[in-house]
């Protein structure tokens, strides 16, 4: 069975932590990927992050995030 790509793992990780601040090294250590992979993800998805200070980012909600009701409808 193929493992999920790192970008999918990062996506799922940050979706659970909207509004929190992080260092790319923290995500890299948690998900067992390289810091370069995390920075590449940040660069490819700039709307998901706000730079707080050097090396610290805040996670923003996805622009087109859909929320499901308890009955499974949007």
PDB file of N, CA and C in Angstrom:
ATOM      1  N   UNK A   1       0.837  -1.182   0.000  1.00  0.00           N
ATOM      2  CA  UNK A   1       0.000   0.000   0.000  1.00  0.00           C
ATOM      3  C   UNK A   1       0.882   1.246   0.000  1.00  0.00           C
ATOM      4  N   UNK A   2       0.546   2.196  -0.823  1.00  0.00           N
ATOM      5  CA  UNK A   2       1.333   3.408  -0.967  1.00  0.00           C
ATOM      6  C   UNK A   2       1.036   4.374   0.187  1.00  0.00           C
ATOM      7  N   UNK A   3       2.088   5.023   0.687  1.00  0.00           N
ATOM      8  CA  UNK A   3       1.887   6.000   1.752  1.00  0.00           C
ATOM      9  C   UNK A   3       1.404   7.318   1.154  1.00  0.00           C
ATOM     10  N   UNK A   4       0.621   8.088   1.899  1.00  0.00           N
ATOM     11  CA  UNK A   4       0.148   9.370   1.377  1.00  0.00           C
ATOM     12  C   UNK A   4       1.318  10.327   1.145  1.00  0.00           C
ATOM     13  N   UNK A   5       1.138  11.237   0.197  1.00  0.00           N
ATOM     14  CA  UNK A   5       2.212  12.193  -0.067  1.00  0.00           C
ATOM     15  C   UNK A   5       2.355  13.132   1.123  1.00  0.00           C
ATOM     16  N   UNK A   6       3.510  13.716   1.244  1.00  0.00           N
ATOM     17  CA  UNK A   6       3.778  14.613   2.362  1.00  0.00           C
ATOM     18  C   UNK A   6       2.855  15.820   2.338  1.00  0.00           C
ATOM     19  N   UNK A   7       2.505  16.320   1.141  1.00  0.00           N
ATOM     20  CA  UNK A   7       1.623  17.489   1.085  1.00  0.00           C
ATOM     21  C   UNK A   7       0.234  17.156   1.638  1.00  0.00           C
ATOM     22  N   UNK A   8      -0.239  15.942   1.409  1.00  0.00           N
ATOM     23  CA  UNK A   8      -1.529  15.545   1.982  1.00  0.00           C
ATOM     24  C   UNK A   8      -1.437  15.431   3.498  1.00  0.00           C
ATOM     25  N   UNK A   9      -0.330  14.928   3.997  1.00  0.00           N
ATOM     26  CA  UNK A   9      -0.132  14.836   5.442  1.00  0.00           C
ATOM     27  C   UNK A   9      -0.060  16.228   6.072  1.00  0.00           C
ATOM     28  N   UNK A  10       0.662  17.143   5.422  1.00  0.00           N
ATOM     29  CA  UNK A  10       0.760  18.509   5.933  1.00  0.00           C
ATOM     30  C   UNK A  10      -0.608  19.176   5.899  1.00  0.00           C
ATOM     31  N   UNK A  11      -1.341  18.967   4.810  1.00  0.00           N
ATOM     32  CA  UNK A  11      -2.683  19.533   4.664  1.00  0.00           C
ATOM     33  C   UNK A  11      -3.586  19.097   5.816  1.00  0.00           C
ATOM     34  N   UNK A  12      -3.604  17.818   6.087  1.00  0.00           N
ATOM     35  CA  UNK A  12      -4.438  17.293   7.173  1.00  0.00           C
ATOM     36  C   UNK A  12      -3.966  17.835   8.522  1.00  0.00           C
ATOM     37  N   UNK A  13      -2.673  17.925   8.706  1.00  0.00           N
ATOM     38  CA  UNK A  13      -2.110  18.418   9.964  1.00  0.00           C
ATOM     39  C   UNK A  13      -2.524  19.865  10.229  1.00  0.00           C
ATOM     40  N   UNK A  14      -2.395  20.732   9.221  1.00  0.00           N
ATOM     41  CA  UNK A  14      -2.716  22.145   9.444  1.00  0.00           C
ATOM     42  C   UNK A  14      -4.222  22.392   9.511  1.00  0.00           C
ATOM     43  N   UNK A  15      -5.019  21.547   8.854  1.00  0.00           N
ATOM     44  CA  UNK A  15      -6.473  21.712   8.945  1.00  0.00           C
ATOM     45  C   UNK A  15      -6.969  21.533  10.376  1.00  0.00           C
ATOM     46  N   UNK A  16      -6.265  20.748  11.158  1.00  0.00           N
ATOM     47  CA  UNK A  16      -6.637  20.531  12.553  1.00  0.00           C
ATOM     48  C   UNK A  16      -6.090  21.608  13.482  1.00  0.00           C
ATOM     49  N   UNK A  17      -5.285  22.542  12.947  1.00  0.00           N
ATOM     50  CA  UNK A  17      -4.617  23.533  13.794  1.00  0.00           C
ATOM     51  C   UNK A  17      -4.780  24.956  13.265  1.00  0.00           C
ATOM     52  N   UNK A  18      -5.923  25.296  12.698  1.00  0.00           N
ATOM     53  CA  UNK A  18      -6.162  26.632  12.146  1.00  0.00           C
ATOM     54  C   UNK A  18      -6.080  27.662  13.268  1.00  0.00           C
ATOM     55  N   UNK A  19      -5.356  28.744  13.010  1.00  0.00           N
ATOM     56  CA  UNK A  19      -5.200  29.821  13.978  1.00  0.00           C
ATOM     57  C   UNK A  19      -3.983  29.683  14.872  1.00  0.00           C
ATOM     58  N   UNK A  20      -3.340  28.545  14.860  1.00  0.00           N
ATOM     59  CA  UNK A  20      -2.172  28.328  15.706  1.00  0.00           C
ATOM     60  C   UNK A  20      -0.895  28.799  15.006  1.00  0.00           C
ATOM     61  N   UNK A  21       0.108  29.110  15.806  1.00  0.00           N
ATOM     62  CA  UNK A  21       1.416  29.482  15.282  1.00  0.00           C
ATOM     63  C   UNK A  21       2.340  28.273  15.357  1.00  0.00           C
ATOM     64  N   UNK A  22       3.284  28.210  14.431  1.00  0.00           N
ATOM     65  CA  UNK A  22       4.193  27.066  14.388  1.00  0.00           C
ATOM     66  C   UNK A  22       5.510  27.457  13.755  1.00  0.00           C
ATOM     67  N   UNK A  23       6.506  26.626  13.998  1.00  0.00           N
ATOM     68  CA  UNK A  23       7.790  26.710  13.299  1.00  0.00           C
ATOM     69  C   UNK A  23       7.819  25.544  12.317  1.00  0.00           C
ATOM     70  N   UNK A  24       8.316  25.751  11.107  1.00  0.00           N
ATOM     71  CA  UNK A  24       8.381  24.662  10.138  1.00  0.00           C
ATOM     72  C   UNK A  24       9.097  23.418  10.663  1.00  0.00           C
ATOM     73  N   UNK A  25      10.084  23.599  11.520  1.00  0.00           N
ATOM     74  CA  UNK A  25      10.817  22.458  12.089  1.00  0.00           C
ATOM     75  C   UNK A  25       9.878  21.583  12.924  1.00  0.00           C
ATOM     76  N   UNK A  26       8.898  22.194  13.608  1.00  0.00           N
ATOM     77  CA  UNK A  26       7.951  21.430  14.419  1.00  0.00           C
ATOM     78  C   UNK A  26       7.120  20.483  13.546  1.00  0.00           C
ATOM     79  N   UNK A  27       6.632  20.993  12.418  1.00  0.00           N
ATOM     80  CA  UNK A  27       5.843  20.153  11.508  1.00  0.00           C
ATOM     81  C   UNK A  27       6.726  19.068  10.906  1.00  0.00           C
ATOM     82  N   UNK A  28       7.934  19.441  10.511  1.00  0.00           N
ATOM     83  CA  UNK A  28       8.856  18.457   9.921  1.00  0.00           C
ATOM     84  C   UNK A  28       9.138  17.316  10.886  1.00  0.00           C
ATOM     85  N   UNK A  29       9.367  17.633  12.147  1.00  0.00           N
ATOM     86  CA  UNK A  29       9.640  16.590  13.142  1.00  0.00           C
ATOM     87  C   UNK A  29       8.400  15.736  13.404  1.00  0.00           C
ATOM     88  N   UNK A  30       7.243  16.352  13.465  1.00  0.00           N
ATOM     89  CA  UNK A  30       6.002  15.625  13.739  1.00  0.00           C
ATOM     90  C   UNK A  30       5.650  14.673  12.605  1.00  0.00           C
ATOM     91  N   UNK A  31       5.810  15.132  11.365  1.00  0.00           N
ATOM     92  CA  UNK A  31       5.392  14.339  10.205  1.00  0.00           C
ATOM     93  C   UNK A  31       6.530  13.550   9.555  1.00  0.00           C
ATOM     94  N   UNK A  32       7.711  13.608  10.136  1.00  0.00           N
ATOM     95  CA  UNK A  32       8.872  12.896   9.594  1.00  0.00           C
ATOM     96  C   UNK A  32       9.157  13.263   8.142  1.00  0.00           C
ATOM     97  N   UNK A  33       9.187  14.564   7.883  1.00  0.00           N
ATOM     98  CA  UNK A  33       9.570  15.045   6.558  1.00  0.00           C
ATOM     99  C   UNK A  33      10.658  16.092   6.742  1.00  0.00           C
ATOM    100  N   UNK A  34      11.168  16.616   5.650  1.00  0.00           N
ATOM    101  CA  UNK A  34      12.238  17.603   5.742  1.00  0.00           C
ATOM    102  C   UNK A  34      11.658  19.007   5.921  1.00  0.00           C
ATOM    103  N   UNK A  35      12.470  19.890   6.481  1.00  0.00           N
ATOM    104  CA  UNK A  35      12.062  21.285   6.630  1.00  0.00           C
ATOM    105  C   UNK A  35      11.859  21.910   5.253  1.00  0.00           C
ATOM    106  N   UNK A  36      12.668  21.491   4.282  1.00  0.00           N
ATOM    107  CA  UNK A  36      12.521  22.007   2.920  1.00  0.00           C
ATOM    108  C   UNK A  36      11.140  21.667   2.351  1.00  0.00           C
ATOM    109  N   UNK A  37      10.628  20.490   2.661  1.00  0.00           N
ATOM    110  CA  UNK A  37       9.300  20.097   2.195  1.00  0.00           C
ATOM    111  C   UNK A  37       8.238  21.009   2.800  1.00  0.00           C
ATOM    112  N   UNK A  38       8.385  21.336   4.072  1.00  0.00           N
ATOM    113  CA  UNK A  38       7.414  22.216   4.736  1.00  0.00           C
ATOM    114  C   UNK A  38       7.478  23.616   4.134  1.00  0.00           C
ATOM    115  N   UNK A  39       8.687  24.141   3.928  1.00  0.00           N
ATOM    116  CA  UNK A  39       8.815  25.473   3.315  1.00  0.00           C
ATOM    117  C   UNK A  39       8.271  25.480   1.886  1.00  0.00           C
ATOM    118  N   UNK A  40       8.469  24.413   1.153  1.00  0.00           N
ATOM    119  CA  UNK A  40       7.913  24.319  -0.195  1.00  0.00           C
ATOM    120  C   UNK A  40       6.387  24.336  -0.148  1.00  0.00           C
ATOM    121  N   UNK A  41       5.804  23.635   0.811  1.00  0.00           N
ATOM    122  CA  UNK A  41       4.350  23.635   0.969  1.00  0.00           C
ATOM    123  C   UNK A  41       3.851  25.046   1.304  1.00  0.00           C
ATOM    124  N   UNK A  42       4.567  25.744   2.198  1.00  0.00           N
ATOM    125  CA  UNK A  42       4.185  27.116   2.558  1.00  0.00           C
ATOM    126  C   UNK A  42       4.257  28.027   1.341  1.00  0.00           C
ATOM    127  N   UNK A  43       5.320  27.889   0.555  1.00  0.00           N
ATOM    128  CA  UNK A  43       5.492  28.714  -0.638  1.00  0.00           C
ATOM    129  C   UNK A  43       4.417  28.427  -1.683  1.00  0.00           C
ATOM    130  N   UNK A  44       3.989  27.170  -1.812  1.00  0.00           N
ATOM    131  CA  UNK A  44       2.970  26.800  -2.798  1.00  0.00           C
ATOM    132  C   UNK A  44       1.546  27.095  -2.333  1.00  0.00           C
ATOM    133  N   UNK A  45       1.361  27.359  -1.038  1.00  0.00           N
ATOM    134  CA  UNK A  45       0.037  27.641  -0.481  1.00  0.00           C
ATOM    135  C   UNK A  45       0.085  28.902   0.385  1.00  0.00           C
ATOM    136  N   UNK A  46       0.420  30.060  -0.209  1.00  0.00           N
ATOM    137  CA  UNK A  46       0.637  31.268   0.600  1.00  0.00           C
ATOM    138  C   UNK A  46      -0.620  31.780   1.306  1.00  0.00           C
ATOM    139  N   UNK A  47      -1.799  31.474   0.783  1.00  0.00           N
ATOM    140  CA  UNK A  47      -3.023  31.960   1.422  1.00  0.00           C
ATOM    141  C   UNK A  47      -3.312  31.234   2.734  1.00  0.00           C
ATOM    142  N   UNK A  48      -2.695  30.096   2.952  1.00  0.00           N
ATOM    143  CA  UNK A  48      -2.913  29.324   4.173  1.00  0.00           C
ATOM    144  C   UNK A  48      -2.056  29.787   5.349  1.00  0.00           C
ATOM    145  N   UNK A  49      -1.103  30.698   5.105  1.00  0.00           N
ATOM    146  CA  UNK A  49      -0.160  31.074   6.150  1.00  0.00           C
ATOM    147  C   UNK A  49       0.057  32.576   6.207  1.00  0.00           C
ATOM    148  N   UNK A  50       0.305  33.065   7.410  1.00  0.00           N
ATOM    149  CA  UNK A  50       0.712  34.448   7.636  1.00  0.00           C
ATOM    150  C   UNK A  50       2.019  34.399   8.405  1.00  0.00           C
ATOM    151  N   UNK A  51       2.986  35.161   7.955  1.00  0.00           N
ATOM    152  CA  UNK A  51       4.277  35.202   8.652  1.00  0.00           C
ATOM    153  C   UNK A  51       4.142  36.098   9.884  1.00  0.00           C
ATOM    154  N   UNK A  52       4.397  35.538  11.051  1.00  0.00           N
ATOM    155  CA  UNK A  52       4.300  36.284  12.306  1.00  0.00           C
ATOM    156  C   UNK A  52       5.632  36.953  12.603  1.00  0.00           C
ATOM    157  N   UNK A  53       6.687  36.198  12.510  1.00  0.00           N
ATOM    158  CA  UNK A  53       8.043  36.714  12.639  1.00  0.00           C
ATOM    159  C   UNK A  53       8.951  35.749  11.886  1.00  0.00           C
ATOM    160  N   UNK A  54      10.224  36.006  11.923  1.00  0.00           N
ATOM    161  CA  UNK A  54      11.140  35.160  11.153  1.00  0.00           C
ATOM    162  C   UNK A  54      11.070  33.712  11.635  1.00  0.00           C
ATOM    163  N   UNK A  55      10.638  32.831  10.739  1.00  0.00           N
ATOM    164  CA  UNK A  55      10.579  31.414  11.047  1.00  0.00           C
ATOM    165  C   UNK A  55       9.349  30.973  11.823  1.00  0.00           C
ATOM    166  N   UNK A  56       8.396  31.886  12.054  1.00  0.00           N
ATOM    167  CA  UNK A  56       7.161  31.532  12.745  1.00  0.00           C
ATOM    168  C   UNK A  56       5.984  31.947  11.872  1.00  0.00           C
ATOM    169  N   UNK A  57       5.071  31.012  11.655  1.00  0.00           N
ATOM    170  CA  UNK A  57       3.923  31.241  10.789  1.00  0.00           C
ATOM    171  C   UNK A  57       2.631  30.969  11.541  1.00  0.00           C
ATOM    172  N   UNK A  58       1.560  31.631  11.094  1.00  0.00           N
ATOM    173  CA  UNK A  58       0.224  31.382  11.632  1.00  0.00           C
ATOM    174  C   UNK A  58      -0.578  30.686  10.540  1.00  0.00           C
ATOM    175  N   UNK A  59      -1.363  29.680  10.929  1.00  0.00           N
ATOM    176  CA  UNK A  59      -2.146  28.904   9.962  1.00  0.00           C
ATOM    177  C   UNK A  59      -3.494  29.588   9.744  1.00  0.00           C
ATOM    178  N   UNK A  60      -3.816  29.870   8.481  1.00  0.00           N
ATOM    179  CA  UNK A  60      -5.101  30.443   8.107  1.00  0.00           C
ATOM    180  C   UNK A  60      -6.022  29.343   7.600  1.00  0.00           C
ATOM    181  N   UNK A  61      -7.319  29.598   7.657  1.00  0.00           N
ATOM    182  CA  UNK A  61      -8.296  28.645   7.121  1.00  0.00           C
ATOM    183  C   UNK A  61      -8.181  28.614   5.598  1.00  0.00           C
ATOM    184  N   UNK A  62      -8.549  27.497   5.012  1.00  0.00           N
ATOM    185  CA  UNK A  62      -8.550  27.374   3.554  1.00  0.00           C
ATOM    186  C   UNK A  62      -9.602  28.315   2.982  1.00  0.00           C
ATOM    187  N   UNK A  63      -9.329  28.872   1.809  1.00  0.00           N
ATOM    188  CA  UNK A  63     -10.245  29.830   1.196  1.00  0.00           C
ATOM    189  C   UNK A  63     -11.590  29.200   0.853  1.00  0.00           C
ATOM    190  N   UNK A  64     -11.568  27.980   0.376  1.00  0.00           N
ATOM    191  CA  UNK A  64     -12.795  27.318  -0.069  1.00  0.00           C
ATOM    192  C   UNK A  64     -13.074  26.091   0.777  1.00  0.00           C
ATOM    193  N   UNK A  65     -13.032  26.265   2.083  1.00  0.00           N
ATOM    194  CA  UNK A  65     -13.247  25.141   2.977  1.00  0.00           C
ATOM    195  C   UNK A  65     -14.746  24.951   3.176  1.00  0.00           C
ATOM    196  N   UNK A  66     -15.223  23.740   2.953  1.00  0.00           N
ATOM    197  CA  UNK A  66     -16.632  23.426   3.114  1.00  0.00           C
ATOM    198  C   UNK A  66     -16.841  22.740   4.460  1.00  0.00           C
ATOM    199  N   UNK A  67     -17.930  23.088   5.106  1.00  0.00           N
ATOM    200  CA  UNK A  67     -18.248  22.478   6.386  1.00  0.00           C
ATOM    201  C   UNK A  67     -19.494  21.629   6.224  1.00  0.00           C
ATOM    202  N   UNK A  68     -19.442  20.407   6.720  1.00  0.00           N
ATOM    203  CA  UNK A  68     -20.571  19.510   6.626  1.00  0.00           C
ATOM    204  C   UNK A  68     -21.387  19.562   7.906  1.00  0.00           C
ATOM    205  N   UNK A  69     -22.722  19.538   7.741  1.00  0.00           N
ATOM    206  CA  UNK A  69     -23.608  19.433   8.886  1.00  0.00           C
ATOM    207  C   UNK A  69     -23.554  18.017   9.430  1.00  0.00           C
ATOM    208  N   UNK A  70     -24.175  17.790  10.549  1.00  0.00           N
ATOM    209  CA  UNK A  70     -24.146  16.468  11.166  1.00  0.00           C
ATOM    210  C   UNK A  70     -24.809  15.403  10.293  1.00  0.00           C
ATOM    211  N   UNK A  71     -25.709  15.835   9.381  1.00  0.00           N
ATOM    212  CA  UNK A  71     -26.369  14.860   8.504  1.00  0.00           C
ATOM    213  C   UNK A  71     -25.605  14.646   7.199  1.00  0.00           C
ATOM    214  N   UNK A  72     -24.441  15.269   7.056  1.00  0.00           N
ATOM    215  CA  UNK A  72     -23.595  15.052   5.886  1.00  0.00           C
ATOM    216  C   UNK A  72     -23.832  16.018   4.747  1.00  0.00           C
ATOM    217  N   UNK A  73     -24.696  17.032   4.937  1.00  0.00           N
ATOM    218  CA  UNK A  73     -24.948  18.020   3.886  1.00  0.00           C
ATOM    219  C   UNK A  73     -24.079  19.247   4.123  1.00  0.00           C
ATOM    220  N   UNK A  74     -23.911  20.025   3.074  1.00  0.00           N
ATOM    221  CA  UNK A  74     -23.085  21.240   3.156  1.00  0.00           C
ATOM    222  C   UNK A  74     -23.918  22.389   3.664  1.00  0.00           C
TER     223      UNK A  74
END
